[in-house]
PDB file of N, CA and C in Angstrom:
ATOM      1  N   MET A   1       0.843  -0.986   0.011  1.00  0.00           N
ATOM      2  CA  MET A   1       0.023   0.057   0.032  1.00  0.00           C
ATOM      3  C   MET A   1       0.876   1.278  -0.234  1.00  0.00           C
ATOM      4  N   ASN A   2       0.265   2.281  -0.553  1.00  0.00           N
ATOM      5  CA  ASN A   2       1.167   3.638  -0.663  1.00  0.00           C
ATOM      6  C   ASN A   2       0.855   3.995   0.653  1.00  0.00           C
ATOM      7  N   PRO A   3       2.332   4.281   1.230  1.00  0.00           N
ATOM      8  CA  PRO A   3       2.332   4.834   2.834  1.00  0.00           C
ATOM      9  C   PRO A   3       2.011   6.320   3.127  1.00  0.00           C
ATOM     10  N   ARG A   4       2.035   6.821   1.923  1.00  0.00           N
ATOM     11  CA  ARG A   4       1.827   8.284   1.400  1.00  0.00           C
ATOM     12  C   ARG A   4       0.391   8.796   1.538  1.00  0.00           C
ATOM     13  N   ARG A   5      -0.244   7.624   1.349  1.00  0.00           N
ATOM     14  CA  ARG A   5      -1.604   7.719   1.344  1.00  0.00           C
ATOM     15  C   ARG A   5      -2.118   6.754   2.320  1.00  0.00           C
ATOM     16  N   TYR A   6      -1.672   5.945   2.608  1.00  0.00           N
ATOM     17  CA  TYR A   6      -2.234   5.141   3.959  1.00  0.00           C
ATOM     18  C   TYR A   6      -1.634   5.029   4.890  1.00  0.00           C
ATOM     19  N   GLY A   7      -0.502   5.869   4.968  1.00  0.00           N
ATOM     20  CA  GLY A   7       0.101   5.979   6.446  1.00  0.00           C
ATOM     21  C   GLY A   7       0.822   4.196   7.024  1.00  0.00           C
ATOM     22  N   ALA A   8       0.735   3.850   7.942  1.00  0.00           N
ATOM     23  CA  ALA A   8       1.092   2.697   8.585  1.00  0.00           C
ATOM     24  C   ALA A   8       0.085   1.634   7.826  1.00  0.00           C
ATOM     25  N   MET A   9      -0.949   1.749   7.487  1.00  0.00           N
ATOM     26  CA  MET A   9      -1.911   0.856   7.260  1.00  0.00           C
ATOM     27  C   MET A   9      -1.845  -0.078   6.158  1.00  0.00           C
ATOM     28  N   THR A  10      -1.910  -1.885   6.346  1.00  0.00           N
ATOM     29  CA  THR A  10      -1.207  -2.760   5.608  1.00  0.00           C
ATOM     30  C   THR A  10      -2.538  -3.136   4.827  1.00  0.00           C
ATOM     31  N   SER A  11      -2.410  -4.092   3.902  1.00  0.00           N
ATOM     32  CA  SER A  11      -3.305  -4.622   3.064  1.00  0.00           C
ATOM     33  C   SER A  11      -4.343  -5.284   4.272  1.00  0.00           C
ATOM     34  N   GLN A  12      -3.947  -6.116   4.818  1.00  0.00           N
ATOM     35  CA  GLN A  12      -4.600  -7.138   6.053  1.00  0.00           C
ATOM     36  C   GLN A  12      -5.624  -5.972   6.882  1.00  0.00           C
ATOM     37  N   ASP A  13      -5.270  -4.965   7.155  1.00  0.00           N
ATOM     38  CA  ASP A  13      -5.871  -3.620   7.946  1.00  0.00           C
ATOM     39  C   ASP A  13      -6.874  -3.478   7.136  1.00  0.00           C
ATOM     40  N   TYR A  14      -6.613  -3.286   5.819  1.00  0.00           N
ATOM     41  CA  TYR A  14      -7.799  -2.463   5.257  1.00  0.00           C
ATOM     42  C   TYR A  14      -8.369  -3.588   4.636  1.00  0.00           C
ATOM     43  N   ALA A  15      -8.353  -4.799   4.302  1.00  0.00           N
ATOM     44  CA  ALA A  15      -9.271  -5.866   4.382  1.00  0.00           C
ATOM     45  C   ALA A  15     -10.229  -5.866   5.623  1.00  0.00           C
ATOM     46  N   ARG A  16      -9.910  -6.062   6.715  1.00  0.00           N
ATOM     47  CA  ARG A  16     -10.538  -6.085   8.156  1.00  0.00           C
ATOM     48  C   ARG A  16     -11.619  -4.606   8.267  1.00  0.00           C
ATOM     49  N   TYR A  17     -10.592  -4.020   7.648  1.00  0.00           N
ATOM     50  CA  TYR A  17     -12.008  -2.382   7.697  1.00  0.00           C
ATOM     51  C   TYR A  17     -13.209  -2.473   6.855  1.00  0.00           C
ATOM     52  N   ARG A  18     -12.681  -2.947   5.458  1.00  0.00           N
ATOM     53  CA  ARG A  18     -13.941  -3.502   4.657  1.00  0.00           C
ATOM     54  C   ARG A  18     -15.044  -4.313   5.039  1.00  0.00           C
ATOM     55  N   LEU A  19     -14.383  -5.615   5.748  1.00  0.00           N
ATOM     56  CA  LEU A  19     -15.464  -6.525   6.050  1.00  0.00           C
ATOM     57  C   LEU A  19     -16.072  -6.404   7.612  1.00  0.00           C
ATOM     58  N   SER A  20     -15.476  -5.365   8.141  1.00  0.00           N
ATOM     59  CA  SER A  20     -16.206  -4.711   9.409  1.00  0.00           C
ATOM     60  C   SER A  20     -17.660  -4.436   9.203  1.00  0.00           C
ATOM     61  N   ILE A  21     -18.330  -4.239   8.006  1.00  0.00           N
ATOM     62  CA  ILE A  21     -19.732  -3.705   8.066  1.00  0.00           C
ATOM     63  C   ILE A  21     -20.442  -5.125   8.189  1.00  0.00           C
ATOM     64  N   PHE A  22     -20.178  -6.218   8.056  1.00  0.00           N
ATOM     65  CA  PHE A  22     -20.959  -7.763   8.589  1.00  0.00           C
ATOM     66  C   PHE A  22     -21.465  -7.587   9.859  1.00  0.00           C
ATOM     67  N   THR A  23     -22.825  -7.705  10.274  1.00  0.00           N
ATOM     68  CA  THR A  23     -23.321  -8.002  11.469  1.00  0.00           C
ATOM     69  C   THR A  23     -22.749  -9.433  11.629  1.00  0.00           C
ATOM     70  N   ARG A  24     -23.159  -9.423  13.172  1.00  0.00           N
ATOM     71  CA  ARG A  24     -23.195 -10.985  13.427  1.00  0.00           C
ATOM     72  C   ARG A  24     -23.622 -12.012  12.882  1.00  0.00           C
ATOM     73  N   GLU A  25     -24.663 -11.585  12.897  1.00  0.00           N
ATOM     74  CA  GLU A  25     -25.723 -13.021  11.927  1.00  0.00           C
ATOM     75  C   GLU A  25     -24.930 -12.931  10.749  1.00  0.00           C
ATOM     76  N   GLU A  26     -24.703 -11.871  10.037  1.00  0.00           N
ATOM     77  CA  GLU A  26     -24.017 -11.806   8.679  1.00  0.00           C
ATOM     78  C   GLU A  26     -22.422 -12.651   8.472  1.00  0.00           C
ATOM     79  N   ALA A  27     -21.899 -12.513   9.433  1.00  0.00           N
ATOM     80  CA  ALA A  27     -20.826 -13.263   9.843  1.00  0.00           C
ATOM     81  C   ALA A  27     -20.863 -14.729  10.175  1.00  0.00           C
ATOM     82  N   TRP A  28     -21.855 -15.042  10.769  1.00  0.00           N
ATOM     83  CA  TRP A  28     -22.182 -16.568  11.093  1.00  0.00           C
ATOM     84  C   TRP A  28     -22.471 -17.430   9.930  1.00  0.00           C
ATOM     85  N   ALA A  29     -23.469 -16.159   9.055  1.00  0.00           N
ATOM     86  CA  ALA A  29     -23.753 -16.897   7.653  1.00  0.00           C
ATOM     87  C   ALA A  29     -22.332 -17.139   6.713  1.00  0.00           C
ATOM     88  N   ILE A  30     -21.362 -16.209   6.955  1.00  0.00           N
ATOM     89  CA  ILE A  30     -20.231 -16.789   6.027  1.00  0.00           C
ATOM     90  C   ILE A  30     -19.448 -17.928   6.692  1.00  0.00           C
ATOM     91  N   VAL A  31     -19.326 -17.830   8.096  1.00  0.00           N
ATOM     92  CA  VAL A  31     -18.906 -19.075   8.717  1.00  0.00           C
ATOM     93  C   VAL A  31     -19.267 -20.101   8.314  1.00  0.00           C
ATOM     94  N   ALA A  32     -20.518 -20.269   8.189  1.00  0.00           N
ATOM     95  CA  ALA A  32     -21.053 -21.787   7.841  1.00  0.00           C
ATOM     96  C   ALA A  32     -21.207 -21.856   6.572  1.00  0.00           C
ATOM     97  N   TYR A  33     -20.972 -20.537   5.169  1.00  0.00           N
ATOM     98  CA  TYR A  33     -20.761 -21.356   4.192  1.00  0.00           C
ATOM     99  C   TYR A  33     -19.440 -21.823   4.069  1.00  0.00           C
ATOM    100  N   LEU A  34     -18.261 -21.114   4.318  1.00  0.00           N
ATOM    101  CA  LEU A  34     -16.736 -21.300   4.409  1.00  0.00           C
ATOM    102  C   LEU A  34     -16.779 -22.747   4.700  1.00  0.00           C
ATOM    103  N   GLU A  35     -17.424 -23.139   6.017  1.00  0.00           N
ATOM    104  CA  GLU A  35     -17.115 -24.372   6.671  1.00  0.00           C
ATOM    105  C   GLU A  35     -17.713 -25.283   5.680  1.00  0.00           C
ATOM    106  N   GLU A  36     -18.787 -24.999   5.350  1.00  0.00           N
ATOM    107  CA  GLU A  36     -19.359 -26.269   3.995  1.00  0.00           C
ATOM    108  C   GLU A  36     -18.438 -26.098   2.677  1.00  0.00           C
ATOM    109  N   ARG A  37     -17.812 -25.248   2.169  1.00  0.00           N
ATOM    110  CA  ARG A  37     -17.083 -24.939   1.329  1.00  0.00           C
ATOM    111  C   ARG A  37     -15.792 -25.965   1.587  1.00  0.00           C
ATOM    112  N   ARG A  38     -15.581 -25.614   2.610  1.00  0.00           N
ATOM    113  CA  ARG A  38     -14.251 -26.149   3.142  1.00  0.00           C
ATOM    114  C   ARG A  38     -14.375 -27.904   2.994  1.00  0.00           C
ATOM    115  N   GLU A  39     -15.453 -28.463   3.772  1.00  0.00           N
ATOM    116  CA  GLU A  39     -16.031 -30.119   3.437  1.00  0.00           C
ATOM    117  C   GLU A  39     -16.307 -30.289   2.370  1.00  0.00           C
ATOM    118  N   SER A  40     -16.637 -29.610   1.294  1.00  0.00           N
ATOM    119  CA  SER A  40     -16.956 -29.979  -0.124  1.00  0.00           C
ATOM    120  C   SER A  40     -15.849 -29.966  -0.826  1.00  0.00           C
ATOM    121  N   ASP A  41     -14.488 -29.287  -0.804  1.00  0.00           N
ATOM    122  CA  ASP A  41     -13.751 -28.833  -1.479  1.00  0.00           C
ATOM    123  C   ASP A  41     -12.760 -30.029  -1.423  1.00  0.00           C
ATOM    124  N   SER A  42     -12.054 -30.613  -2.450  1.00  0.00           N
ATOM    125  CA  SER A  42     -11.518 -31.684  -2.723  1.00  0.00           C
ATOM    126  C   SER A  42      -9.798 -31.317  -1.849  1.00  0.00           C
ATOM    127  N   GLY A  43      -9.692 -30.506  -1.394  1.00  0.00           N
ATOM    128  CA  GLY A  43      -8.585 -29.961  -0.464  1.00  0.00           C
ATOM    129  C   GLY A  43      -7.664 -28.516  -1.226  1.00  0.00           C
ATOM    130  N   ILE A  44      -8.036 -28.460  -2.312  1.00  0.00           N
ATOM    131  CA  ILE A  44      -7.377 -27.085  -2.974  1.00  0.00           C
ATOM    132  C   ILE A  44      -7.456 -26.021  -2.134  1.00  0.00           C
ATOM    133  N   ARG A  45      -8.540 -25.958  -1.554  1.00  0.00           N
ATOM    134  CA  ARG A  45      -8.522 -24.423  -0.711  1.00  0.00           C
ATOM    135  C   ARG A  45      -8.805 -24.236   0.643  1.00  0.00           C
ATOM    136  N   GLN A  46      -8.704 -25.664   1.411  1.00  0.00           N
ATOM    137  CA  GLN A  46      -9.099 -25.964   2.509  1.00  0.00           C
ATOM    138  C   GLN A  46      -8.083 -25.284   3.325  1.00  0.00           C
ATOM    139  N   GLU A  47      -6.890 -25.227   3.233  1.00  0.00           N
ATOM    140  CA  GLU A  47      -5.746 -24.476   3.838  1.00  0.00           C
ATOM    141  C   GLU A  47      -6.184 -22.853   3.926  1.00  0.00           C
ATOM    142  N   GLU A  48      -6.399 -22.436   2.751  1.00  0.00           N
ATOM    143  CA  GLU A  48      -7.026 -20.899   2.753  1.00  0.00           C
ATOM    144  C   GLU A  48      -8.037 -20.473   3.469  1.00  0.00           C
ATOM    145  N   ILE A  49      -9.465 -21.163   3.519  1.00  0.00           N
ATOM    146  CA  ILE A  49     -10.300 -21.037   4.020  1.00  0.00           C
ATOM    147  C   ILE A  49     -10.097 -21.437   5.527  1.00  0.00           C
ATOM    148  N   ASP A  50      -9.580 -22.259   6.033  1.00  0.00           N
ATOM    149  CA  ASP A  50      -8.927 -22.270   7.470  1.00  0.00           C
ATOM    150  C   ASP A  50      -8.462 -21.176   8.029  1.00  0.00           C
ATOM    151  N   VAL A  51      -7.504 -20.325   7.072  1.00  0.00           N
ATOM    152  CA  VAL A  51      -6.827 -19.196   7.428  1.00  0.00           C
ATOM    153  C   VAL A  51      -7.807 -18.462   7.649  1.00  0.00           C
ATOM    154  N   ALA A  52      -8.768 -18.045   6.874  1.00  0.00           N
ATOM    155  CA  ALA A  52      -9.925 -16.953   6.653  1.00  0.00           C
ATOM    156  C   ALA A  52     -10.440 -17.258   8.118  1.00  0.00           C
ATOM    157  N   LEU A  53     -11.131 -18.459   8.560  1.00  0.00           N
ATOM    158  CA  LEU A  53     -11.945 -18.722   9.310  1.00  0.00           C
ATOM    159  C   LEU A  53     -11.207 -18.245  10.750  1.00  0.00           C
ATOM    160  N   ASP A  54      -9.952 -18.705  11.192  1.00  0.00           N
ATOM    161  CA  ASP A  54      -9.303 -18.655  12.350  1.00  0.00           C
ATOM    162  C   ASP A  54      -8.931 -17.163  12.128  1.00  0.00           C
ATOM    163  N   SER A  55      -8.216 -16.645  11.377  1.00  0.00           N
ATOM    164  CA  SER A  55      -7.694 -15.182  11.449  1.00  0.00           C
ATOM    165  C   SER A  55      -8.812 -13.925  11.293  1.00  0.00           C
ATOM    166  N   TYR A  56     -10.057 -14.648  11.073  1.00  0.00           N
ATOM    167  CA  TYR A  56     -11.048 -13.222  10.826  1.00  0.00           C
ATOM    168  C   TYR A  56     -12.317 -13.489  11.513  1.00  0.00           C
ATOM    169  N   TRP A  57     -12.913 -14.703  10.495  1.00  0.00           N
ATOM    170  CA  TRP A  57     -14.186 -14.706  10.749  1.00  0.00           C
ATOM    171  C   TRP A  57     -15.067 -15.246  12.034  1.00  0.00           C
ATOM    172  N   ARG A  58     -14.460 -16.059  12.452  1.00  0.00           N
ATOM    173  CA  ARG A  58     -14.831 -16.956  13.967  1.00  0.00           C
ATOM    174  C   ARG A  58     -15.119 -15.685  14.776  1.00  0.00           C
ATOM    175  N   ASP A  59     -14.071 -15.053  14.766  1.00  0.00           N
ATOM    176  CA  ASP A  59     -14.218 -13.743  16.045  1.00  0.00           C
ATOM    177  C   ASP A  59     -15.098 -12.967  15.333  1.00  0.00           C
ATOM    178  N   ARG A  60     -15.114 -12.542  14.555  1.00  0.00           N
ATOM    179  CA  ARG A  60     -15.913 -11.571  13.704  1.00  0.00           C
ATOM    180  C   ARG A  60     -17.453 -12.243  14.287  1.00  0.00           C
ATOM    181  N   ALA A  61     -17.796 -13.644  14.027  1.00  0.00           N
ATOM    182  CA  ALA A  61     -19.057 -14.178  14.242  1.00  0.00           C
ATOM    183  C   ALA A  61     -19.411 -14.299  15.610  1.00  0.00           C
ATOM    184  N   GLU A  62     -18.314 -13.977  16.368  1.00  0.00           N
ATOM    185  CA  GLU A  62     -18.563 -14.333  18.085  1.00  0.00           C
ATOM    186  C   GLU A  62     -18.981 -12.760  18.527  1.00  0.00           C
ATOM    187  N   HIS A  63     -18.002 -11.664  17.700  1.00  0.00           N
ATOM    188  CA  HIS A  63     -17.929 -10.345  18.831  1.00  0.00           C
ATOM    189  C   HIS A  63     -18.665  -8.929  17.929  1.00  0.00           C
ATOM    190  N   ALA A  64     -19.155  -9.303  16.603  1.00  0.00           N
ATOM    191  CA  ALA A  64     -19.634  -8.253  16.063  1.00  0.00           C
ATOM    192  C   ALA A  64     -20.709  -7.835  16.771  1.00  0.00           C
ATOM    193  N   PRO A  65     -21.156  -6.613  16.261  1.00  0.00           N
ATOM    194  CA  PRO A  65     -22.660  -6.139  16.640  1.00  0.00           C
ATOM    195  C   PRO A  65     -23.454  -6.822  16.083  1.00  0.00           C
ATOM    196  N   THR A  66     -25.076  -7.371  16.790  1.00  0.00           N
ATOM    197  CA  THR A  66     -25.794  -7.730  16.115  1.00  0.00           C
ATOM    198  C   THR A  66     -26.453  -6.809  15.345  1.00  0.00           C
ATOM    199  N   GLY A  67     -27.492  -7.135  14.338  1.00  0.00           N
ATOM    200  CA  GLY A  67     -28.325  -6.275  13.688  1.00  0.00           C
ATOM    201  C   GLY A  67     -29.305  -5.352  14.278  1.00  0.00           C
ATOM    202  N   HIS A  68     -29.869  -6.017  15.789  1.00  0.00           N
ATOM    203  CA  HIS A  68     -30.521  -5.156  16.790  1.00  0.00           C
ATOM    204  C   HIS A  68     -29.629  -4.090  17.106  1.00  0.00           C
ATOM    205  N   ASP A  69     -28.604  -4.708  17.816  1.00  0.00           N
ATOM    206  CA  ASP A  69     -27.575  -3.683  18.149  1.00  0.00           C
ATOM    207  C   ASP A  69     -27.243  -2.450  17.342  1.00  0.00           C
ATOM    208  N   LEU A  70     -27.035  -2.621  15.851  1.00  0.00           N
ATOM    209  CA  LEU A  70     -26.719  -1.472  14.999  1.00  0.00           C
ATOM    210  C   LEU A  70     -28.062  -0.908  14.536  1.00  0.00           C
ATOM    211  N   THR A  71     -28.861  -1.273  14.339  1.00  0.00           N
ATOM    212  CA  THR A  71     -30.263  -0.910  14.566  1.00  0.00           C
ATOM    213  C   THR A  71     -30.663   0.343  15.667  1.00  0.00           C
ATOM    214  N   GLN A  72     -30.314  -0.349  16.785  1.00  0.00           N
ATOM    215  CA  GLN A  72     -31.002   0.559  17.870  1.00  0.00           C
ATOM    216  C   GLN A  72     -29.725   1.961  18.279  1.00  0.00           C
ATOM    217  N   TYR A  73     -28.275   1.521  17.825  1.00  0.00           N
ATOM    218  CA  TYR A  73     -27.395   2.475  17.630  1.00  0.00           C
ATOM    219  C   TYR A  73     -27.442   3.952  16.900  1.00  0.00           C
ATOM    220  N   LEU A  74     -28.273   3.241  15.497  1.00  0.00           N
ATOM    221  CA  LEU A  74     -28.408   4.233  14.446  1.00  0.00           C
ATOM    222  C   LEU A  74     -29.680   5.119  14.865  1.00  0.00           C
ATOM    223  N   GLN A  75     -30.373   4.987  15.654  1.00  0.00           N
ATOM    224  CA  GLN A  75     -31.627   5.155  16.164  1.00  0.00           C
ATOM    225  C   GLN A  75     -31.196   6.463  17.274  1.00  0.00           C
ATOM    226  N   GLU A  76     -30.448   5.709  18.089  1.00  0.00           N
ATOM    227  CA  GLU A  76     -29.753   6.536  19.074  1.00  0.00           C
ATOM    228  C   GLU A  76     -29.270   7.958  18.525  1.00  0.00           C
ATOM    229  N   GLU A  77     -28.454   7.195  17.445  1.00  0.00           N
ATOM    230  CA  GLU A  77     -27.697   8.868  16.778  1.00  0.00           C
ATOM    231  C   GLU A  77     -28.197   9.505  16.248  1.00  0.00           C
ATOM    232  N   ALA A  78     -29.545   9.093  15.356  1.00  0.00           N
ATOM    233  CA  ALA A  78     -30.721  10.030  15.050  1.00  0.00           C
ATOM    234  C   ALA A  78     -31.271  10.960  15.739  1.00  0.00           C
ATOM    235  N   ASP A  79     -31.505  10.417  16.985  1.00  0.00           N
ATOM    236  CA  ASP A  79     -32.038  10.936  18.093  1.00  0.00           C
ATOM    237  C   ASP A  79     -31.269  12.212  18.807  1.00  0.00           C
ATOM    238  N   PHE A  80     -30.098  11.711  18.763  1.00  0.00           N
ATOM    239  CA  PHE A  80     -29.075  12.657  19.307  1.00  0.00           C
ATOM    240  C   PHE A  80     -28.702  13.988  18.225  1.00  0.00           C
ATOM    241  N   LEU A  81     -28.887  13.664  17.207  1.00  0.00           N
ATOM    242  CA  LEU A  81     -28.429  14.808  16.197  1.00  0.00           C
ATOM    243  C   LEU A  81     -29.661  15.541  15.781  1.00  0.00           C
ATOM    244  N   LYS A  82     -30.978  14.965  16.042  1.00  0.00           N
ATOM    245  CA  LYS A  82     -32.034  15.916  16.250  1.00  0.00           C
ATOM    246  C   LYS A  82     -32.451  16.680  17.398  1.00  0.00           C
ATOM    247  N   GLY A  83     -31.749  16.226  18.551  1.00  0.00           N
ATOM    248  CA  GLY A  83     -31.720  16.935  20.049  1.00  0.00           C
ATOM    249  C   GLY A  83     -30.829  18.100  19.789  1.00  0.00           C
ATOM    250  N   ILE A  84     -29.396  18.443  19.046  1.00  0.00           N
ATOM    251  CA  ILE A  84     -28.813  19.131  19.004  1.00  0.00           C
ATOM    252  C   ILE A  84     -29.056  19.953  17.727  1.00  0.00           C
ATOM    253  N   GLY A  85     -30.413  19.857  17.127  1.00  0.00           N
ATOM    254  CA  GLY A  85     -30.886  20.849  15.742  1.00  0.00           C
ATOM    255  C   GLY A  85     -29.994  20.235  14.634  1.00  0.00           C
ATOM    256  N   ILE A  86     -29.699  19.069  14.451  1.00  0.00           N
ATOM    257  CA  ILE A  86     -29.042  18.400  12.972  1.00  0.00           C
ATOM    258  C   ILE A  86     -29.966  17.373  12.397  1.00  0.00           C
ATOM    259  N   ASP A  87     -30.440  17.884  11.316  1.00  0.00           N
ATOM    260  CA  ASP A  87     -31.606  16.876  10.860  1.00  0.00           C
ATOM    261  C   ASP A  87     -30.842  15.723  10.233  1.00  0.00           C
ATOM    262  N   PRO A  88     -30.631  14.471  10.890  1.00  0.00           N
ATOM    263  CA  PRO A  88     -30.167  13.180  10.109  1.00  0.00           C
ATOM    264  C   PRO A  88     -30.461  13.239   8.554  1.00  0.00           C
TER     265      PRO A  88
END
């Protein structure tokens, strides 16, 4: 990555940033898909899938905000902005 533009950010940091949009429920669906894919694969991508599951997706599925949490946060943010006179 271009250090002048992104500073010390690595491509892994950028990937984590981009994948952070998924809620807990969505991350669990991705984990289920990857596990199914790993089991049905002939071994070609099993190692890559295991790395993805172990380095990111299982933790995201455990600790990401739920869809309900996200909806509640967005509502609280909108209420706050209205309270200080900003129309969201």
